[in-house]
């Protein structure tokens, strides 16, 4: 290694190619101990990552739907789990939300927002 290696100004070919951290379950400091234990179990079993992928798959399969509609159509996760995992899924860049005329709730679509 030389000095040029230490101060290189080159960037990765694409930021999209950089590894994303796995989504994790969290509990607020003010939440009861049972919530912290549940979050820990979810993380140990890697359920958050699995559920996040299920949400992404559902959005790609049924684009333009609300999280409630997606949960009903998909039938794998309940609507509450869907709602909790939507922000994790959106953070991956594989889905995005936007307002659709005629619908009160936000709808979810594949890909990044335009």
N, C-alpha and C. Protein backbone atom coordinates (compact mmCIF):
# COMPACT_ATOMS: atom_id res chain seq x y z
N UNK A 1 0.85 -1.17 0.00
CA UNK A 1 0.00 0.00 0.00
C UNK A 1 0.89 1.24 0.00
N UNK A 2 0.50 2.21 -0.77
CA UNK A 2 1.26 3.46 -0.79
C UNK A 2 0.33 4.62 -0.42
N UNK A 3 0.91 5.81 -0.41
CA UNK A 3 0.16 6.97 0.03
C UNK A 3 -1.04 7.23 -0.89
N UNK A 4 -0.89 6.98 -2.18
CA UNK A 4 -2.01 7.20 -3.09
C UNK A 4 -3.19 6.29 -2.76
N UNK A 5 -2.89 5.06 -2.33
CA UNK A 5 -3.97 4.16 -1.93
C UNK A 5 -4.74 4.70 -0.74
N UNK A 6 -4.06 5.31 0.18
CA UNK A 6 -4.70 5.83 1.38
C UNK A 6 -5.61 7.02 1.10
N UNK A 7 -5.28 7.79 0.09
CA UNK A 7 -6.03 9.01 -0.18
C UNK A 7 -6.72 8.98 -1.54
N UNK A 8 -7.07 7.82 -1.99
CA UNK A 8 -7.72 7.67 -3.29
C UNK A 8 -9.06 8.40 -3.27
N UNK A 9 -9.36 9.08 -4.36
CA UNK A 9 -10.62 9.81 -4.46
C UNK A 9 -11.59 9.10 -5.38
N UNK A 10 -11.26 7.90 -5.80
CA UNK A 10 -12.18 7.17 -6.67
C UNK A 10 -13.35 6.66 -5.86
N UNK A 11 -14.47 6.52 -6.50
CA UNK A 11 -15.67 6.03 -5.85
C UNK A 11 -16.04 4.69 -6.46
N UNK A 12 -16.90 3.94 -5.81
CA UNK A 12 -17.35 2.69 -6.41
C UNK A 12 -18.00 2.97 -7.75
N UNK A 13 -18.03 1.96 -8.62
CA UNK A 13 -18.63 2.13 -9.94
C UNK A 13 -20.06 2.64 -9.82
N UNK A 14 -20.80 2.08 -8.88
CA UNK A 14 -22.16 2.53 -8.61
C UNK A 14 -22.42 2.40 -7.13
N UNK A 15 -23.07 3.38 -6.55
CA UNK A 15 -23.41 3.28 -5.14
C UNK A 15 -24.42 2.16 -4.92
N UNK A 16 -25.21 1.85 -5.94
CA UNK A 16 -26.19 0.77 -5.83
C UNK A 16 -25.51 -0.57 -5.58
N UNK A 17 -24.25 -0.71 -5.98
CA UNK A 17 -23.53 -1.97 -5.83
C UNK A 17 -23.01 -2.18 -4.41
N UNK A 18 -23.06 -1.15 -3.59
CA UNK A 18 -22.57 -1.28 -2.22
C UNK A 18 -23.56 -2.09 -1.40
N UNK A 19 -23.07 -2.91 -0.52
CA UNK A 19 -23.94 -3.77 0.29
C UNK A 19 -24.76 -2.93 1.25
N UNK A 20 -26.04 -3.25 1.33
CA UNK A 20 -26.94 -2.58 2.26
C UNK A 20 -26.97 -3.38 3.55
N UNK A 21 -27.04 -2.72 4.69
CA UNK A 21 -27.17 -3.47 5.93
C UNK A 21 -28.52 -4.16 5.98
N UNK A 22 -28.57 -5.31 6.59
CA UNK A 22 -29.83 -6.05 6.71
C UNK A 22 -30.79 -5.27 7.61
N UNK A 23 -32.07 -5.26 7.27
CA UNK A 23 -33.04 -4.56 8.11
C UNK A 23 -33.15 -5.26 9.47
N UNK A 24 -33.41 -4.48 10.48
CA UNK A 24 -33.50 -5.03 11.84
C UNK A 24 -34.77 -4.55 12.52
N UNK A 25 -35.25 -5.35 13.46
CA UNK A 25 -36.38 -4.96 14.30
C UNK A 25 -35.84 -4.07 15.41
N UNK A 26 -36.63 -3.08 15.80
CA UNK A 26 -36.21 -2.16 16.84
C UNK A 26 -37.33 -1.97 17.86
N UNK A 27 -36.94 -1.56 19.04
CA UNK A 27 -37.90 -1.18 20.09
C UNK A 27 -37.43 0.15 20.67
N UNK A 28 -38.37 1.01 20.99
CA UNK A 28 -38.03 2.30 21.61
C UNK A 28 -37.55 2.09 23.04
N UNK A 29 -36.76 3.03 23.53
CA UNK A 29 -36.30 2.95 24.93
C UNK A 29 -37.48 2.92 25.89
N UNK A 30 -38.56 3.60 25.51
CA UNK A 30 -39.73 3.67 26.39
C UNK A 30 -40.62 2.43 26.29
N UNK A 31 -40.35 1.53 25.33
CA UNK A 31 -41.15 0.31 25.19
C UNK A 31 -40.87 -0.65 26.33
N UNK A 32 -41.84 -1.51 26.65
CA UNK A 32 -41.63 -2.50 27.72
C UNK A 32 -40.56 -3.52 27.33
N UNK A 33 -40.03 -4.19 28.32
CA UNK A 33 -38.98 -5.18 28.09
C UNK A 33 -39.43 -6.26 27.11
N UNK A 34 -40.70 -6.60 27.12
CA UNK A 34 -41.21 -7.63 26.20
C UNK A 34 -41.02 -7.22 24.74
N UNK A 35 -41.14 -5.92 24.44
CA UNK A 35 -40.92 -5.44 23.08
C UNK A 35 -39.45 -5.56 22.69
N UNK A 36 -38.57 -5.27 23.61
CA UNK A 36 -37.14 -5.42 23.34
C UNK A 36 -36.78 -6.89 23.12
N UNK A 37 -37.38 -7.78 23.91
CA UNK A 37 -37.13 -9.22 23.75
C UNK A 37 -37.66 -9.71 22.40
N UNK A 38 -38.84 -9.22 22.01
CA UNK A 38 -39.41 -9.61 20.73
C UNK A 38 -38.54 -9.14 19.57
N UNK A 39 -38.05 -7.92 19.65
CA UNK A 39 -37.16 -7.40 18.60
C UNK A 39 -35.89 -8.23 18.51
N UNK A 40 -35.36 -8.61 19.65
CA UNK A 40 -34.15 -9.43 19.67
C UNK A 40 -34.39 -10.79 19.02
N UNK A 41 -35.54 -11.42 19.33
CA UNK A 41 -35.87 -12.71 18.71
C UNK A 41 -36.03 -12.58 17.21
N UNK A 42 -36.68 -11.50 16.78
CA UNK A 42 -36.86 -11.27 15.33
C UNK A 42 -35.51 -11.15 14.64
N UNK A 43 -34.58 -10.46 15.25
CA UNK A 43 -33.26 -10.27 14.66
C UNK A 43 -32.45 -11.56 14.66
N UNK A 44 -32.55 -12.33 15.73
CA UNK A 44 -31.82 -13.59 15.80
C UNK A 44 -32.27 -14.55 14.70
N UNK A 45 -33.55 -14.58 14.43
CA UNK A 45 -34.10 -15.49 13.43
C UNK A 45 -34.07 -14.90 12.02
N UNK A 46 -33.61 -13.66 11.92
CA UNK A 46 -33.55 -12.96 10.63
C UNK A 46 -34.93 -12.86 9.96
N UNK A 47 -35.96 -12.78 10.78
CA UNK A 47 -37.32 -12.69 10.25
C UNK A 47 -37.59 -11.36 9.57
N UNK A 48 -36.96 -10.30 10.04
CA UNK A 48 -37.20 -8.99 9.44
C UNK A 48 -36.76 -8.99 7.97
N UNK A 49 -35.60 -9.55 7.69
CA UNK A 49 -35.11 -9.60 6.31
C UNK A 49 -36.04 -10.44 5.44
N UNK A 50 -36.50 -11.56 5.97
CA UNK A 50 -37.41 -12.43 5.22
C UNK A 50 -38.73 -11.71 4.95
N UNK A 51 -39.29 -11.08 5.98
CA UNK A 51 -40.55 -10.36 5.81
C UNK A 51 -40.40 -9.17 4.85
N UNK A 52 -39.27 -8.49 4.93
CA UNK A 52 -39.03 -7.36 4.03
C UNK A 52 -39.02 -7.85 2.58
N UNK A 53 -38.39 -8.98 2.32
CA UNK A 53 -38.37 -9.52 0.96
C UNK A 53 -39.77 -9.94 0.52
N UNK A 54 -40.57 -10.47 1.42
CA UNK A 54 -41.94 -10.84 1.08
C UNK A 54 -42.76 -9.61 0.70
N UNK A 55 -42.54 -8.51 1.39
CA UNK A 55 -43.22 -7.25 1.07
C UNK A 55 -42.80 -6.77 -0.33
N UNK A 56 -41.51 -6.79 -0.60
CA UNK A 56 -41.01 -6.36 -1.91
C UNK A 56 -41.62 -7.22 -3.01
N UNK A 57 -41.63 -8.53 -2.80
CA UNK A 57 -42.20 -9.45 -3.79
C UNK A 57 -43.67 -9.14 -4.05
N UNK A 58 -44.43 -8.84 -2.99
CA UNK A 58 -45.85 -8.54 -3.14
C UNK A 58 -46.06 -7.26 -3.94
N UNK A 59 -45.24 -6.24 -3.69
CA UNK A 59 -45.38 -4.97 -4.43
C UNK A 59 -45.09 -5.20 -5.91
N UNK A 60 -44.10 -6.00 -6.22
CA UNK A 60 -43.79 -6.28 -7.62
C UNK A 60 -44.90 -7.10 -8.27
N UNK A 61 -45.54 -7.95 -7.50
CA UNK A 61 -46.62 -8.80 -8.03
C UNK A 61 -47.93 -8.02 -8.18
N UNK A 62 -48.20 -7.11 -7.24
CA UNK A 62 -49.45 -6.34 -7.23
C UNK A 62 -49.15 -4.84 -7.13
N UNK A 63 -48.58 -4.21 -8.15
CA UNK A 63 -48.20 -2.79 -8.05
C UNK A 63 -49.42 -1.87 -7.96
N UNK A 64 -49.20 -0.71 -7.33
CA UNK A 64 -50.24 0.31 -7.25
C UNK A 64 -51.28 0.07 -6.18
N UNK A 65 -50.95 -0.74 -5.18
CA UNK A 65 -51.90 -1.05 -4.11
C UNK A 65 -51.43 -0.45 -2.79
N UNK A 66 -52.36 -0.29 -1.87
CA UNK A 66 -52.02 0.16 -0.52
C UNK A 66 -51.43 -1.02 0.25
N UNK A 67 -50.82 -0.75 1.39
CA UNK A 67 -50.26 -1.86 2.18
C UNK A 67 -51.36 -2.81 2.65
N UNK A 68 -52.51 -2.27 2.97
CA UNK A 68 -53.63 -3.13 3.38
C UNK A 68 -54.08 -4.03 2.23
N UNK A 69 -54.22 -3.46 1.05
CA UNK A 69 -54.61 -4.25 -0.12
C UNK A 69 -53.56 -5.31 -0.44
N UNK A 70 -52.29 -4.93 -0.33
CA UNK A 70 -51.21 -5.88 -0.61
C UNK A 70 -51.28 -7.07 0.35
N UNK A 71 -51.52 -6.80 1.62
CA UNK A 71 -51.61 -7.88 2.61
C UNK A 71 -52.78 -8.81 2.30
N UNK A 72 -53.91 -8.23 1.90
CA UNK A 72 -55.08 -9.06 1.56
C UNK A 72 -54.82 -9.91 0.32
N UNK A 73 -54.19 -9.33 -0.70
CA UNK A 73 -53.92 -10.07 -1.93
C UNK A 73 -52.83 -11.12 -1.76
N UNK A 74 -51.80 -10.77 -1.01
CA UNK A 74 -50.67 -11.66 -0.84
C UNK A 74 -51.00 -12.84 0.06
N UNK A 75 -51.65 -12.57 1.19
CA UNK A 75 -52.08 -13.63 2.08
C UNK A 75 -50.97 -14.30 2.89
N UNK A 76 -49.73 -13.82 2.80
CA UNK A 76 -48.62 -14.42 3.55
C UNK A 76 -48.47 -13.73 4.91
N UNK A 77 -48.40 -12.42 4.90
CA UNK A 77 -48.22 -11.63 6.12
C UNK A 77 -49.52 -10.90 6.44
N UNK A 78 -49.79 -10.66 7.72
CA UNK A 78 -50.98 -9.87 8.06
C UNK A 78 -50.72 -8.39 7.76
N UNK A 79 -51.78 -7.60 7.78
CA UNK A 79 -51.64 -6.20 7.38
C UNK A 79 -50.76 -5.40 8.33
N UNK A 80 -50.70 -5.78 9.61
CA UNK A 80 -49.86 -5.06 10.57
C UNK A 80 -48.38 -5.32 10.29
N UNK A 81 -48.05 -6.56 9.99
CA UNK A 81 -46.66 -6.89 9.64
C UNK A 81 -46.28 -6.19 8.34
N UNK A 82 -47.20 -6.18 7.39
CA UNK A 82 -46.94 -5.48 6.14
C UNK A 82 -46.61 -4.03 6.41
N UNK A 83 -47.43 -3.38 7.24
CA UNK A 83 -47.21 -1.97 7.55
C UNK A 83 -45.87 -1.72 8.21
N UNK A 84 -45.46 -2.63 9.09
CA UNK A 84 -44.17 -2.45 9.78
C UNK A 84 -42.98 -2.63 8.84
N UNK A 85 -43.11 -3.45 7.83
CA UNK A 85 -41.97 -3.76 6.96
C UNK A 85 -41.88 -2.86 5.71
N UNK A 86 -42.89 -2.05 5.47
CA UNK A 86 -42.89 -1.21 4.26
C UNK A 86 -41.70 -0.24 4.25
N UNK A 87 -41.39 0.38 5.38
CA UNK A 87 -40.28 1.33 5.39
C UNK A 87 -38.94 0.62 5.18
N UNK A 88 -38.79 -0.60 5.73
CA UNK A 88 -37.58 -1.38 5.47
C UNK A 88 -37.45 -1.68 3.97
N UNK A 89 -38.57 -2.08 3.38
CA UNK A 89 -38.57 -2.43 1.96
C UNK A 89 -38.28 -1.19 1.10
N UNK A 90 -38.85 -0.05 1.47
CA UNK A 90 -38.62 1.18 0.71
C UNK A 90 -37.14 1.58 0.80
N UNK A 91 -36.52 1.35 1.94
CA UNK A 91 -35.11 1.73 2.12
C UNK A 91 -34.18 0.95 1.19
N UNK A 92 -34.61 -0.22 0.72
CA UNK A 92 -33.78 -0.99 -0.21
C UNK A 92 -33.73 -0.36 -1.59
N UNK A 93 -34.70 0.50 -1.89
CA UNK A 93 -34.76 1.11 -3.22
C UNK A 93 -35.50 0.26 -4.23
N UNK A 94 -36.02 -0.88 -3.80
CA UNK A 94 -36.72 -1.77 -4.73
C UNK A 94 -38.19 -1.43 -4.87
N UNK A 95 -38.73 -0.62 -3.95
CA UNK A 95 -40.11 -0.16 -4.05
C UNK A 95 -40.17 1.30 -3.61
N UNK A 96 -41.26 1.96 -3.99
CA UNK A 96 -41.48 3.33 -3.54
C UNK A 96 -42.98 3.58 -3.40
N UNK A 97 -43.32 4.63 -2.68
CA UNK A 97 -44.73 4.97 -2.47
C UNK A 97 -45.04 6.30 -3.12
N UNK A 98 -46.30 6.44 -3.49
CA UNK A 98 -46.76 7.74 -3.99
C UNK A 98 -48.28 7.80 -3.90
N UNK A 99 -48.78 9.00 -3.93
CA UNK A 99 -50.22 9.25 -3.88
C UNK A 99 -50.81 8.98 -5.26
N UNK A 100 -51.95 8.33 -5.28
CA UNK A 100 -52.64 8.03 -6.53
C UNK A 100 -53.99 8.72 -6.48
N UNK A 101 -54.36 9.37 -7.59
CA UNK A 101 -55.66 10.04 -7.65
C UNK A 101 -56.79 9.05 -7.36
N UNK A 102 -57.73 9.48 -6.55
CA UNK A 102 -58.88 8.66 -6.24
C UNK A 102 -58.69 7.75 -5.04
N UNK A 103 -57.48 7.67 -4.52
CA UNK A 103 -57.24 6.84 -3.33
C UNK A 103 -56.78 7.73 -2.19
N UNK A 104 -57.28 7.45 -1.02
CA UNK A 104 -56.93 8.24 0.16
C UNK A 104 -55.54 7.88 0.68
N UNK A 105 -55.19 6.59 0.63
CA UNK A 105 -53.92 6.12 1.16
C UNK A 105 -52.83 6.10 0.09
N UNK A 106 -51.59 6.05 0.56
CA UNK A 106 -50.45 5.94 -0.36
C UNK A 106 -50.43 4.57 -1.00
N UNK A 107 -49.99 4.52 -2.24
CA UNK A 107 -49.88 3.26 -2.96
C UNK A 107 -48.41 2.94 -3.21
N UNK A 108 -48.11 1.67 -3.36
CA UNK A 108 -46.74 1.19 -3.49
C UNK A 108 -46.48 0.67 -4.88
N UNK A 109 -45.26 0.99 -5.40
CA UNK A 109 -44.87 0.62 -6.75
C UNK A 109 -43.46 0.05 -6.77
N UNK A 110 -43.17 -0.81 -7.75
CA UNK A 110 -41.81 -1.34 -7.87
C UNK A 110 -40.82 -0.26 -8.28
N UNK A 111 -39.58 -0.44 -7.94
CA UNK A 111 -38.50 0.46 -8.36
C UNK A 111 -38.39 1.72 -7.52
N UNK A 112 -37.43 2.54 -7.90
CA UNK A 112 -37.20 3.81 -7.20
C UNK A 112 -38.19 4.87 -7.68
N UNK A 113 -38.44 5.84 -6.82
CA UNK A 113 -39.33 6.95 -7.18
C UNK A 113 -38.69 7.75 -8.29
N UNK A 114 -39.50 8.28 -9.16
CA UNK A 114 -38.99 9.08 -10.29
C UNK A 114 -38.74 10.50 -9.91
